[in-house]
Amino acid sequence: MKSSFVFFVAMLLVVLSCDKENVVLNSAPTDRLVFKDMADFDRTYIMLLEKSTVEQLAQWATEKNHTTLLNTEDPSLENYSSMLKTMLNKDYEFQVGDNIIWFNEGTLYSFSKDQESHLSELKRHPEKCTKYGAVTSTAIGAANSPNGRPGTAPIQWNGLNAQNQRPFSQQTYQPCGGTLGNAAGNRKYVHEVYDETYSVAPGPVYYSHLVLRIKLEWKGSGSWKPAGEQRRTTVSVSGWAQMIGSGLPQYFYNINTSNDCYSGAWYVPIVNAQHGPFYTEPPFWQLNMDGVINHNVKGDVASNAWANTECPNCSPATTLLW
């Protein structure tokens, strides 16, 4: 009887050790943000959009003790907004209710809390994971858009299309509160309108955010990269936007705002929209924008300042920004 009991215990240990080899345990604490539902997620996204600058987003993440991806160099996140990158933790996760949501290459995957201990193993095979939704970041071209419609771009198309840009050679720089100095280098102002949409089941339900993104980039021996110099920018634009095929009305906007002593990208919201399944394929944004965007690096020579009143790189050229 004793030998039988010893044999049973030995076999039980063997089985348990085999199970442990097939499961990658993840007992480390997580700092993922938790949302009641996707409507709560969207409200937070809009709140972060109103913060508008990288410095403000970083401060918010710090207050949440959150390992944001805001400053990540992952090229797969290059086209996505700072708001989304702020809301993802170092593991590309957030939580909705009791579900753990993982962002991977534009797709949102859902895992139950019971699966948390072996997430690392499950993520190795995303094709077997449960799809929760998707995220797309779409630049709205002023001309030569993928669908051939000026001032439009289809939803669920990822790409960059920023004709409103101006390269220049920086001469000097004086950060706010600092001293004036020489700062020669290749720089480029970039003004782009883009839509970031995330769709989630059931429905699906779409949450779309049409945004004006204002950037400064620099170039060394390689490609253009985000620049960190502080700038002053004023935006005075108006127009309308409509998502054709969604059943949503035409939105009219009039934006007058400014930002001083900021670095990184600045986000100016145009339209936040929520809608159900599309009935026209493919749906697309149609946009009209007129006005001026003034942009200059702090302390640089006046000739490098840019009053963006038309699309300089469109073919044919247009007196509208978009």
C-alpha atoms as a PDB file:
ATOM      1  CA  MET A   1       0.000   0.000   0.000  1.00  0.00           C
ATOM      2  CA  LYS A   2       2.848   2.366   0.873  1.00  0.00           C
ATOM      3  CA  SER A   3       4.676   1.613  -2.364  1.00  0.00           C
ATOM      4  CA  SER A   4       1.471   2.295  -4.361  1.00  0.00           C
ATOM      5  CA  PHE A   5       1.056   5.687  -2.670  1.00  0.00           C
ATOM      6  CA  VAL A   6       4.679   6.610  -3.389  1.00  0.00           C
ATOM      7  CA  PHE A   7       4.210   5.603  -7.043  1.00  0.00           C
ATOM      8  CA  PHE A   8       1.042   7.765  -7.285  1.00  0.00           C
ATOM      9  CA  VAL A   9       2.820  10.814  -5.838  1.00  0.00           C
ATOM     10  CA  ALA A  10       5.760  10.312  -8.198  1.00  0.00           C
ATOM     11  CA  MET A  11       3.474  10.119 -11.231  1.00  0.00           C
ATOM     12  CA  LEU A  12       1.570  13.227 -10.083  1.00  0.00           C
ATOM     13  CA  LEU A  13       4.830  15.179  -9.883  1.00  0.00           C
ATOM     14  CA  VAL A  14       5.782  14.036 -13.376  1.00  0.00           C
ATOM     15  CA  VAL A  15       2.431  15.197 -14.794  1.00  0.00           C
ATOM     16  CA  LEU A  16       2.677  18.557 -13.057  1.00  0.00           C
ATOM     17  CA  SER A  17       6.213  19.108 -14.288  1.00  0.00           C
ATOM     18  CA  CYS A  18       5.135  18.325 -17.888  1.00  0.00           C
ATOM     19  CA  ASP A  19       2.290  20.840 -17.646  1.00  0.00           C
ATOM     20  CA  LYS A  20       4.717  23.443 -16.353  1.00  0.00           C
ATOM     21  CA  GLU A  21       6.945  22.934 -19.408  1.00  0.00           C
ATOM     22  CA  ASN A  22       4.019  23.803 -21.717  1.00  0.00           C
ATOM     23  CA  VAL A  23       2.992  26.981 -19.867  1.00  0.00           C
ATOM     24  CA  VAL A  24       5.048  30.135 -19.594  1.00  0.00           C
ATOM     25  CA  LEU A  25       4.039  31.630 -16.268  1.00  0.00           C
ATOM     26  CA  ASN A  26       3.780  35.400 -16.004  1.00  0.00           C
ATOM     27  CA  SER A  27       3.452  36.218 -12.339  1.00  0.00           C
ATOM     28  CA  ALA A  28       5.047  39.679 -12.596  1.00  0.00           C
ATOM     29  CA  PRO A  29       2.742  42.591 -11.714  1.00  0.00           C
ATOM     30  CA  THR A  30       1.314  44.559 -14.627  1.00  0.00           C
ATOM     31  CA  ASP A  31       0.627  48.264 -14.997  1.00  0.00           C
ATOM     32  CA  ARG A  32      -1.933  47.982 -17.786  1.00  0.00           C
ATOM     33  CA  LEU A  33      -4.689  50.603 -17.754  1.00  0.00           C
ATOM     34  CA  VAL A  34      -8.172  49.289 -16.928  1.00  0.00           C
ATOM     35  CA  PHE A  35     -11.331  50.601 -18.609  1.00  0.00           C
ATOM     36  CA  LYS A  36     -14.955  49.800 -17.838  1.00  0.00           C
ATOM     37  CA  ASP A  37     -15.761  49.336 -21.543  1.00  0.00           C
ATOM     38  CA  MET A  38     -14.655  50.678 -24.928  1.00  0.00           C
ATOM     39  CA  ALA A  39     -16.770  53.800 -24.444  1.00  0.00           C
ATOM     40  CA  ASP A  40     -14.645  54.485 -21.334  1.00  0.00           C
ATOM     41  CA  PHE A  41     -11.497  53.830 -23.395  1.00  0.00           C
ATOM     42  CA  ASP A  42     -12.728  56.315 -26.009  1.00  0.00           C
ATOM     43  CA  ARG A  43     -13.448  58.993 -23.415  1.00  0.00           C
ATOM     44  CA  THR A  44      -9.890  58.645 -22.120  1.00  0.00           C
ATOM     45  CA  TYR A  45      -8.529  58.827 -25.675  1.00  0.00           C
ATOM     46  CA  ILE A  46     -10.420  62.094 -26.273  1.00  0.00           C
ATOM     47  CA  MET A  47      -9.216  63.477 -22.935  1.00  0.00           C
ATOM     48  CA  LEU A  48      -5.607  62.704 -23.921  1.00  0.00           C
ATOM     49  CA  LEU A  49      -6.190  64.242 -27.338  1.00  0.00           C
ATOM     50  CA  GLU A  50      -7.150  67.474 -25.588  1.00  0.00           C
ATOM     51  CA  LYS A  51      -3.796  67.399 -23.759  1.00  0.00           C
ATOM     52  CA  SER A  52      -2.279  67.623 -27.236  1.00  0.00           C
ATOM     53  CA  THR A  53       1.507  67.641 -26.570  1.00  0.00           C
ATOM     54  CA  VAL A  54       4.002  64.895 -25.812  1.00  0.00           C
ATOM     55  CA  GLU A  55       5.046  66.586 -22.565  1.00  0.00           C
ATOM     56  CA  GLN A  56       1.456  66.619 -21.280  1.00  0.00           C
ATOM     57  CA  LEU A  57       0.891  63.001 -22.279  1.00  0.00           C
ATOM     58  CA  ALA A  58       4.098  61.916 -20.560  1.00  0.00           C
ATOM     59  CA  GLN A  59       3.048  63.732 -17.384  1.00  0.00           C
ATOM     60  CA  TRP A  60      -0.334  61.967 -17.410  1.00  0.00           C
ATOM     61  CA  ALA A  61       1.349  58.567 -17.799  1.00  0.00           C
ATOM     62  CA  THR A  62       3.739  59.348 -14.950  1.00  0.00           C
ATOM     63  CA  GLU A  63       0.825  60.205 -12.665  1.00  0.00           C
ATOM     64  CA  LYS A  64      -0.701  56.810 -13.541  1.00  0.00           C
ATOM     65  CA  ASN A  65       2.598  54.973 -12.810  1.00  0.00           C
ATOM     66  CA  HIS A  66       2.204  53.649 -16.317  1.00  0.00           C
ATOM     67  CA  THR A  67       5.014  52.318 -18.561  1.00  0.00           C
ATOM     68  CA  THR A  68       3.729  54.047 -21.670  1.00  0.00           C
ATOM     69  CA  LEU A  69       4.995  53.387 -25.205  1.00  0.00           C
ATOM     70  CA  LEU A  70       4.896  57.125 -25.919  1.00  0.00           C
ATOM     71  CA  ASN A  71       8.626  57.320 -26.696  1.00  0.00           C
ATOM     72  CA  THR A  72       8.985  53.900 -28.270  1.00  0.00           C
ATOM     73  CA  GLU A  73      11.206  53.461 -31.325  1.00  0.00           C
ATOM     74  CA  ASP A  74       9.243  50.439 -32.519  1.00  0.00           C
ATOM     75  CA  PRO A  75       8.764  51.066 -36.283  1.00  0.00           C
ATOM     76  CA  SER A  76       5.468  49.144 -36.251  1.00  0.00           C
ATOM     77  CA  LEU A  77       3.955  51.979 -34.154  1.00  0.00           C
ATOM     78  CA  GLU A  78       5.320  54.843 -36.267  1.00  0.00           C
ATOM     79  CA  ASN A  79       2.003  55.656 -37.971  1.00  0.00           C
ATOM     80  CA  TYR A  80      -0.108  55.494 -34.812  1.00  0.00           C
ATOM     81  CA  SER A  81      -1.011  58.398 -32.564  1.00  0.00           C
ATOM     82  CA  SER A  82       0.704  59.445 -29.363  1.00  0.00           C
ATOM     83  CA  MET A  83      -2.637  58.966 -27.597  1.00  0.00           C
ATOM     84  CA  LEU A  84      -2.754  55.264 -28.446  1.00  0.00           C
ATOM     85  CA  LYS A  85       0.911  54.775 -27.583  1.00  0.00           C
ATOM     86  CA  THR A  86       0.334  56.515 -24.246  1.00  0.00           C
ATOM     87  CA  MET A  87      -2.520  54.134 -23.378  1.00  0.00           C
ATOM     88  CA  LEU A  88      -0.551  50.973 -24.165  1.00  0.00           C
ATOM     89  CA  ASN A  89       1.823  49.610 -21.532  1.00  0.00           C
ATOM     90  CA  LYS A  90       5.248  48.094 -22.212  1.00  0.00           C
ATOM     91  CA  ASP A  91       3.547  44.813 -23.154  1.00  0.00           C
ATOM     92  CA  TYR A  92       1.253  46.561 -25.686  1.00  0.00           C
ATOM     93  CA  GLU A  93      -1.756  45.875 -23.451  1.00  0.00           C
ATOM     94  CA  PHE A  94      -4.711  47.506 -21.762  1.00  0.00           C
ATOM     95  CA  GLN A  95      -7.774  46.009 -20.066  1.00  0.00           C
ATOM     96  CA  VAL A  96     -11.492  46.352 -20.828  1.00  0.00           C
ATOM     97  CA  GLY A  97     -13.676  44.929 -18.056  1.00  0.00           C
ATOM     98  CA  ASP A  98     -12.228  41.514 -17.273  1.00  0.00           C
ATOM     99  CA  ASN A  99     -10.631  41.125 -20.701  1.00  0.00           C
ATOM    100  CA  ILE A 100      -6.960  41.742 -21.384  1.00  0.00           C
ATOM    101  CA  ILE A 101      -6.540  43.476 -24.768  1.00  0.00           C
ATOM    102  CA  TRP A 102      -3.279  43.084 -26.694  1.00  0.00           C
ATOM    103  CA  PHE A 103      -2.364  45.369 -29.608  1.00  0.00           C
ATOM    104  CA  ASN A 104      -0.282  43.693 -32.299  1.00  0.00           C
ATOM    105  CA  GLU A 105       0.340  44.991 -35.833  1.00  0.00           C
ATOM    106  CA  GLY A 106      -2.948  46.886 -36.003  1.00  0.00           C
ATOM    107  CA  THR A 107      -5.093  44.090 -34.528  1.00  0.00           C
ATOM    108  CA  LEU A 108      -6.607  43.943 -31.039  1.00  0.00           C
ATOM    109  CA  TYR A 109      -6.688  40.498 -29.419  1.00  0.00           C
ATOM    110  CA  SER A 110      -8.685  39.555 -26.326  1.00  0.00           C
ATOM    111  CA  PHE A 111      -7.681  37.213 -23.485  1.00  0.00           C
ATOM    112  CA  SER A 112      -9.555  36.229 -20.354  1.00  0.00           C
ATOM    113  CA  LYS A 113      -8.066  36.777 -16.905  1.00  0.00           C
ATOM    114  CA  ASP A 114      -7.752  32.994 -16.619  1.00  0.00           C
ATOM    115  CA  GLN A 115      -5.213  33.138 -19.470  1.00  0.00           C
ATOM    116  CA  GLU A 116      -3.048  35.799 -17.850  1.00  0.00           C
ATOM    117  CA  SER A 117      -0.519  33.362 -16.425  1.00  0.00           C
ATOM    118  CA  HIS A 118       0.483  32.165 -19.899  1.00  0.00           C
ATOM    119  CA  LEU A 119       0.026  35.248 -22.083  1.00  0.00           C
ATOM    120  CA  SER A 120       3.608  35.075 -23.323  1.00  0.00           C
ATOM    121  CA  GLU A 121       3.006  31.646 -24.808  1.00  0.00           C
ATOM    122  CA  LEU A 122      -0.334  32.610 -26.351  1.00  0.00           C
ATOM    123  CA  LYS A 123       1.153  35.712 -28.005  1.00  0.00           C
ATOM    124  CA  ARG A 124       3.588  33.548 -29.927  1.00  0.00           C
ATOM    125  CA  HIS A 125       0.671  32.363 -32.068  1.00  0.00           C
ATOM    126  CA  PRO A 126      -1.566  35.398 -32.762  1.00  0.00           C
ATOM    127  CA  GLU A 127      -3.321  33.509 -35.559  1.00  0.00           C
ATOM    128  CA  LYS A 128      -4.879  31.302 -32.864  1.00  0.00           C
ATOM    129  CA  CYS A 129      -5.908  34.187 -30.581  1.00  0.00           C
ATOM    130  CA  THR A 130      -9.382  35.707 -30.332  1.00  0.00           C
ATOM    131  CA  LYS A 131      -9.672  38.901 -32.375  1.00  0.00           C
ATOM    132  CA  TYR A 132     -11.332  41.752 -30.511  1.00  0.00           C
ATOM    133  CA  GLY A 133     -10.998  44.547 -33.057  1.00  0.00           C
ATOM    134  CA  ALA A 134      -8.566  46.623 -35.117  1.00  0.00           C
ATOM    135  CA  VAL A 135      -6.887  50.041 -35.177  1.00  0.00           C
ATOM    136  CA  THR A 136      -6.082  51.981 -38.352  1.00  0.00           C
ATOM    137  CA  SER A 137      -4.246  55.290 -38.731  1.00  0.00           C
ATOM    138  CA  THR A 138      -4.953  56.955 -42.076  1.00  0.00           C
ATOM    139  CA  ALA A 139      -3.412  60.153 -43.435  1.00  0.00           C
ATOM    140  CA  ILE A 140      -5.869  62.290 -45.388  1.00  0.00           C
ATOM    141  CA  GLY A 141      -4.175  63.348 -48.597  1.00  0.00           C
ATOM    142  CA  ALA A 142      -4.739  66.799 -50.028  1.00  0.00           C
ATOM    143  CA  ALA A 143      -4.404  65.253 -53.481  1.00  0.00           C
ATOM    144  CA  ASN A 144      -3.406  61.951 -55.085  1.00  0.00           C
ATOM    145  CA  SER A 145      -5.124  59.941 -52.350  1.00  0.00           C
ATOM    146  CA  PRO A 146      -5.228  56.148 -52.815  1.00  0.00           C
ATOM    147  CA  ASN A 147      -8.836  56.268 -53.972  1.00  0.00           C
ATOM    148  CA  GLY A 148      -8.258  59.149 -56.375  1.00  0.00           C
ATOM    149  CA  ARG A 149     -10.531  61.589 -54.526  1.00  0.00           C
ATOM    150  CA  PRO A 150      -8.929  64.930 -53.564  1.00  0.00           C
ATOM    151  CA  GLY A 151      -9.094  65.584 -49.857  1.00  0.00           C
ATOM    152  CA  THR A 152     -10.129  62.038 -48.997  1.00  0.00           C
ATOM    153  CA  ALA A 153      -8.793  58.708 -47.872  1.00  0.00           C
ATOM    154  CA  PRO A 154     -10.532  55.374 -47.264  1.00  0.00           C
ATOM    155  CA  ILE A 155     -10.991  54.177 -43.706  1.00  0.00           C
ATOM    156  CA  GLN A 156      -8.922  51.094 -42.831  1.00  0.00           C
ATOM    157  CA  TRP A 157      -5.984  52.110 -45.011  1.00  0.00           C
ATOM    158  CA  ASN A 158      -2.671  52.608 -43.213  1.00  0.00           C
ATOM    159  CA  GLY A 159      -0.256  55.015 -44.828  1.00  0.00           C
ATOM    160  CA  LEU A 160       1.406  58.408 -44.801  1.00  0.00           C
ATOM    161  CA  ASN A 161       0.392  61.139 -47.231  1.00  0.00           C
ATOM    162  CA  ALA A 162       1.640  64.497 -45.990  1.00  0.00           C
ATOM    163  CA  GLN A 163       1.873  66.972 -48.854  1.00  0.00           C
ATOM    164  CA  ASN A 164       1.745  69.947 -46.481  1.00  0.00           C
ATOM    165  CA  GLN A 165       5.407  70.031 -45.507  1.00  0.00           C
ATOM    166  CA  ARG A 166       8.309  72.444 -45.868  1.00  0.00           C
ATOM    167  CA  PRO A 167      12.025  71.595 -45.547  1.00  0.00           C
ATOM    168  CA  PHE A 168      14.485  74.259 -44.388  1.00  0.00           C
ATOM    169  CA  SER A 169      18.014  74.677 -42.981  1.00  0.00           C
ATOM    170  CA  GLN A 170      17.860  75.699 -39.345  1.00  0.00           C
ATOM    171  CA  GLN A 171      20.300  78.459 -38.391  1.00  0.00           C
ATOM    172  CA  THR A 172      19.792  79.285 -34.716  1.00  0.00           C
ATOM    173  CA  TYR A 173      17.836  78.048 -31.695  1.00  0.00           C
ATOM    174  CA  GLN A 174      16.781  79.549 -28.375  1.00  0.00           C
ATOM    175  CA  PRO A 175      14.732  77.259 -26.122  1.00  0.00           C
ATOM    176  CA  CYS A 176      12.251  78.935 -23.813  1.00  0.00           C
ATOM    177  CA  GLY A 177      14.206  80.316 -20.852  1.00  0.00           C
ATOM    178  CA  GLY A 178      17.509  79.485 -22.572  1.00  0.00           C
ATOM    179  CA  THR A 179      20.178  81.331 -24.536  1.00  0.00           C
ATOM    180  CA  LEU A 180      20.460  81.836 -28.297  1.00  0.00           C
ATOM    181  CA  GLY A 181      22.936  79.608 -30.112  1.00  0.00           C
ATOM    182  CA  ASN A 182      23.801  78.225 -33.525  1.00  0.00           C
ATOM    183  CA  ALA A 183      21.924  75.070 -34.544  1.00  0.00           C
ATOM    184  CA  ALA A 184      22.601  74.274 -38.186  1.00  0.00           C
ATOM    185  CA  GLY A 185      20.802  71.262 -39.618  1.00  0.00           C
ATOM    186  CA  ASN A 186      18.181  69.962 -42.017  1.00  0.00           C
ATOM    187  CA  ARG A 187      14.663  70.356 -40.624  1.00  0.00           C
ATOM    188  CA  LYS A 188      11.160  69.968 -42.003  1.00  0.00           C
ATOM    189  CA  TYR A 189       7.765  71.248 -40.883  1.00  0.00           C
ATOM    190  CA  VAL A 190       5.029  68.635 -41.437  1.00  0.00           C
ATOM    191  CA  HIS A 191       1.300  69.374 -41.178  1.00  0.00           C
ATOM    192  CA  GLU A 192      -1.019  66.415 -41.738  1.00  0.00           C
ATOM    193  CA  VAL A 193      -4.645  65.496 -41.178  1.00  0.00           C
ATOM    194  CA  TYR A 194      -5.209  61.890 -40.248  1.00  0.00           C
ATOM    195  CA  ASP A 195      -7.954  59.652 -38.949  1.00  0.00           C
ATOM    196  CA  GLU A 196      -7.362  57.038 -36.268  1.00  0.00           C
ATOM    197  CA  THR A 197     -10.224  54.550 -36.061  1.00  0.00           C
ATOM    198  CA  TYR A 198     -10.585  51.534 -33.824  1.00  0.00           C
ATOM    199  CA  SER A 199     -13.338  49.024 -34.456  1.00  0.00           C
ATOM    200  CA  VAL A 200     -14.531  46.526 -31.855  1.00  0.00           C
ATOM    201  CA  ALA A 201     -17.044  43.690 -31.756  1.00  0.00           C
ATOM    202  CA  PRO A 202     -19.932  43.170 -31.558  1.00  0.00           C
ATOM    203  CA  GLY A 203     -21.351  45.236 -34.381  1.00  0.00           C
ATOM    204  CA  PRO A 204     -18.705  46.247 -35.045  1.00  0.00           C
ATOM    205  CA  VAL A 205     -18.709  49.688 -33.428  1.00  0.00           C
ATOM    206  CA  TYR A 206     -16.285  52.251 -34.859  1.00  0.00           C
ATOM    207  CA  TYR A 207     -14.629  55.074 -32.908  1.00  0.00           C
ATOM    208  CA  SER A 208     -13.067  57.603 -35.307  1.00  0.00           C
ATOM    209  CA  HIS A 209     -10.896  60.627 -34.526  1.00  0.00           C
ATOM    210  CA  LEU A 210     -10.009  63.143 -37.232  1.00  0.00           C
ATOM    211  CA  VAL A 211      -6.984  65.149 -36.114  1.00  0.00           C
ATOM    212  CA  LEU A 212      -4.576  67.818 -37.359  1.00  0.00           C
ATOM    213  CA  ARG A 213      -1.058  66.688 -36.439  1.00  0.00           C
ATOM    214  CA  ILE A 214       1.757  69.281 -36.481  1.00  0.00           C
ATOM    215  CA  LYS A 215       5.345  67.993 -36.425  1.00  0.00           C
ATOM    216  CA  LEU A 216       8.982  68.981 -36.829  1.00  0.00           C
ATOM    217  CA  GLU A 217      11.477  66.491 -38.263  1.00  0.00           C
ATOM    218  CA  TRP A 218      15.243  66.408 -38.764  1.00  0.00           C
ATOM    219  CA  LYS A 219      17.450  64.490 -41.162  1.00  0.00           C
ATOM    220  CA  GLY A 220      21.029  63.368 -40.803  1.00  0.00           C
ATOM    221  CA  SER A 221      22.526  60.696 -43.030  1.00  0.00           C
ATOM    222  CA  GLY A 222      19.412  58.522 -42.836  1.00  0.00           C
ATOM    223  CA  SER A 223      15.658  59.089 -43.032  1.00  0.00           C
ATOM    224  CA  TRP A 224      13.590  61.908 -41.492  1.00  0.00           C
ATOM    225  CA  LYS A 225      13.035  61.534 -37.745  1.00  0.00           C
ATOM    226  CA  PRO A 226      11.089  63.464 -35.060  1.00  0.00           C
ATOM    227  CA  ALA A 227      12.937  66.587 -33.896  1.00  0.00           C
ATOM    228  CA  GLY A 228      12.895  67.920 -30.351  1.00  0.00           C
ATOM    229  CA  GLU A 229      13.299  71.692 -30.730  1.00  0.00           C
ATOM    230  CA  GLN A 230      10.673  73.863 -29.050  1.00  0.00           C
ATOM    231  CA  ARG A 231       8.382  75.820 -31.372  1.00  0.00           C
ATOM    232  CA  ARG A 232       5.504  78.250 -31.534  1.00  0.00           C
ATOM    233  CA  THR A 233       2.481  77.403 -33.685  1.00  0.00           C
ATOM    234  CA  THR A 234      -0.822  79.148 -34.308  1.00  0.00           C
ATOM    235  CA  VAL A 235      -3.723  77.455 -36.093  1.00  0.00           C
ATOM    236  CA  SER A 236      -6.624  79.359 -37.648  1.00  0.00           C
ATOM    237  CA  VAL A 237      -8.561  77.027 -39.947  1.00  0.00           C
ATOM    238  CA  SER A 238     -12.157  76.218 -40.791  1.00  0.00           C
ATOM    239  CA  GLY A 239     -14.057  73.890 -43.083  1.00  0.00           C
ATOM    240  CA  TRP A 240     -16.096  70.701 -43.056  1.00  0.00           C
ATOM    241  CA  ALA A 241     -15.539  66.950 -42.845  1.00  0.00           C
ATOM    242  CA  GLN A 242     -17.788  63.988 -43.598  1.00  0.00           C
ATOM    243  CA  MET A 243     -17.340  60.241 -43.517  1.00  0.00           C
ATOM    244  CA  ILE A 244     -19.060  59.041 -46.671  1.00  0.00           C
ATOM    245  CA  GLY A 245     -20.755  55.674 -46.239  1.00  0.00           C
ATOM    246  CA  SER A 246     -21.185  55.897 -42.465  1.00  0.00           C
ATOM    247  CA  GLY A 247     -24.555  57.633 -42.310  1.00  0.00           C
ATOM    248  CA  LEU A 248     -23.000  60.414 -40.215  1.00  0.00           C
ATOM    249  CA  PRO A 249     -23.814  64.071 -40.953  1.00  0.00           C
ATOM    250  CA  GLN A 250     -21.381  66.648 -42.300  1.00  0.00           C
ATOM    251  CA  TYR A 251     -19.337  68.262 -39.535  1.00  0.00           C
ATOM    252  CA  PHE A 252     -18.419  71.952 -39.683  1.00  0.00           C
ATOM    253  CA  TYR A 253     -15.469  73.210 -37.655  1.00  0.00           C
ATOM    254  CA  ASN A 254     -13.724  76.494 -36.878  1.00  0.00           C
ATOM    255  CA  ILE A 255     -10.407  76.160 -35.020  1.00  0.00           C
ATOM    256  CA  ASN A 256      -8.419  79.059 -33.542  1.00  0.00           C
ATOM    257  CA  THR A 257      -5.694  77.943 -31.151  1.00  0.00           C
ATOM    258  CA  SER A 258      -1.990  78.313 -30.438  1.00  0.00           C
ATOM    259  CA  ASN A 259       0.816  76.523 -28.639  1.00  0.00           C
ATOM    260  CA  ASP A 260       4.139  77.948 -27.462  1.00  0.00           C
ATOM    261  CA  CYS A 261       7.332  76.350 -26.130  1.00  0.00           C
ATOM    262  CA  TYR A 262       6.271  72.789 -27.006  1.00  0.00           C
ATOM    263  CA  SER A 263       8.298  69.994 -28.609  1.00  0.00           C
ATOM    264  CA  GLY A 264       7.334  66.813 -30.417  1.00  0.00           C
ATOM    265  CA  ALA A 265       4.021  66.443 -32.242  1.00  0.00           C
ATOM    266  CA  TRP A 266       1.031  68.666 -31.452  1.00  0.00           C
ATOM    267  CA  TYR A 267      -2.454  67.208 -31.930  1.00  0.00           C
ATOM    268  CA  VAL A 268      -5.413  69.468 -32.737  1.00  0.00           C
ATOM    269  CA  PRO A 269      -8.784  67.610 -32.736  1.00  0.00           C
ATOM    270  CA  ILE A 270     -11.172  68.203 -35.645  1.00  0.00           C
ATOM    271  CA  VAL A 271     -13.927  65.551 -35.302  1.00  0.00           C
ATOM    272  CA  ASN A 272     -14.583  62.733 -32.817  1.00  0.00           C
ATOM    273  CA  ALA A 273     -17.237  60.321 -34.106  1.00  0.00           C
ATOM    274  CA  GLN A 274     -18.805  57.011 -33.094  1.00  0.00           C
ATOM    275  CA  HIS A 275     -20.779  54.961 -35.590  1.00  0.00           C
ATOM    276  CA  GLY A 276     -22.024  51.480 -36.369  1.00  0.00           C
ATOM    277  CA  PRO A 277     -21.340  49.105 -39.287  1.00  0.00           C
ATOM    278  CA  PHE A 278     -20.541  50.662 -42.651  1.00  0.00           C
ATOM    279  CA  TYR A 279     -23.117  50.278 -45.401  1.00  0.00           C
ATOM    280  CA  THR A 280     -21.016  51.594 -48.289  1.00  0.00           C
ATOM    281  CA  GLU A 281     -17.721  49.996 -49.274  1.00  0.00           C
ATOM    282  CA  PRO A 282     -15.169  51.374 -48.907  1.00  0.00           C
ATOM    283  CA  PRO A 283     -16.105  54.245 -46.543  1.00  0.00           C
ATOM    284  CA  PHE A 284     -13.912  57.320 -46.740  1.00  0.00           C
ATOM    285  CA  TRP A 285     -13.427  60.745 -45.182  1.00  0.00           C
ATOM    286  CA  GLN A 286     -14.021  63.815 -47.298  1.00  0.00           C
ATOM    287  CA  LEU A 287     -12.407  66.959 -45.961  1.00  0.00           C
ATOM    288  CA  ASN A 288     -12.232  70.671 -46.750  1.00  0.00           C
ATOM    289  CA  MET A 289      -9.869  72.974 -44.838  1.00  0.00           C
ATOM    290  CA  ASP A 290      -9.005  76.623 -45.427  1.00  0.00           C
ATOM    291  CA  GLY A 291      -6.986  79.080 -43.350  1.00  0.00           C
ATOM    292  CA  VAL A 292      -3.416  79.365 -42.095  1.00  0.00           C
ATOM    293  CA  ILE A 293      -1.016  77.408 -39.860  1.00  0.00           C
ATOM    294  CA  ASN A 294       1.969  79.474 -38.658  1.00  0.00           C
ATOM    295  CA  HIS A 295       4.934  77.421 -37.491  1.00  0.00           C
ATOM    296  CA  ASN A 296       8.417  78.436 -36.357  1.00  0.00           C
ATOM    297  CA  VAL A 297      11.291  77.067 -34.295  1.00  0.00           C
ATOM    298  CA  LYS A 298      12.041  79.184 -31.231  1.00  0.00           C
ATOM    299  CA  GLY A 299      14.965  81.526 -31.883  1.00  0.00           C
ATOM    300  CA  ASP A 300      15.472  80.572 -35.532  1.00  0.00           C
ATOM    301  CA  VAL A 301      15.782  83.194 -38.268  1.00  0.00           C
ATOM    302  CA  ALA A 302      12.507  84.760 -39.455  1.00  0.00           C
ATOM    303  CA  SER A 303      12.961  83.492 -43.013  1.00  0.00           C
ATOM    304  CA  ASN A 304      12.541  79.908 -41.767  1.00  0.00           C
ATOM    305  CA  ALA A 305       9.099  80.546 -40.291  1.00  0.00           C
ATOM    306  CA  TRP A 306       6.269  79.009 -42.336  1.00  0.00           C
ATOM    307  CA  ALA A 307       2.824  80.446 -42.956  1.00  0.00           C
ATOM    308  CA  ASN A 308       1.087  77.378 -44.399  1.00  0.00           C
ATOM    309  CA  THR A 309      -1.851  78.778 -46.392  1.00  0.00           C
ATOM    310  CA  GLU A 310      -1.940  76.293 -49.275  1.00  0.00           C
ATOM    311  CA  CYS A 311      -0.741  72.829 -50.192  1.00  0.00           C
ATOM    312  CA  PRO A 312       2.752  73.421 -51.687  1.00  0.00           C
ATOM    313  CA  ASN A 313       3.402  69.834 -52.818  1.00  0.00           C
ATOM    314  CA  CYS A 314       0.036  68.942 -54.325  1.00  0.00           C
ATOM    315  CA  SER A 315      -0.323  68.219 -58.009  1.00  0.00           C
ATOM    316  CA  PRO A 316      -2.019  70.332 -59.147  1.00  0.00           C
ATOM    317  CA  ALA A 317      -1.286  72.935 -56.478  1.00  0.00           C
ATOM    318  CA  THR A 318      -4.286  74.106 -54.463  1.00  0.00           C
ATOM    319  CA  THR A 319      -5.058  77.258 -52.479  1.00  0.00           C
ATOM    320  CA  LEU A 320      -6.768  75.060 -49.863  1.00  0.00           C
ATOM    321  CA  LEU A 321      -4.788  73.326 -47.141  1.00  0.00           C
ATOM    322  CA  TRP A 322      -6.927  70.231 -47.733  1.00  0.00           C
END
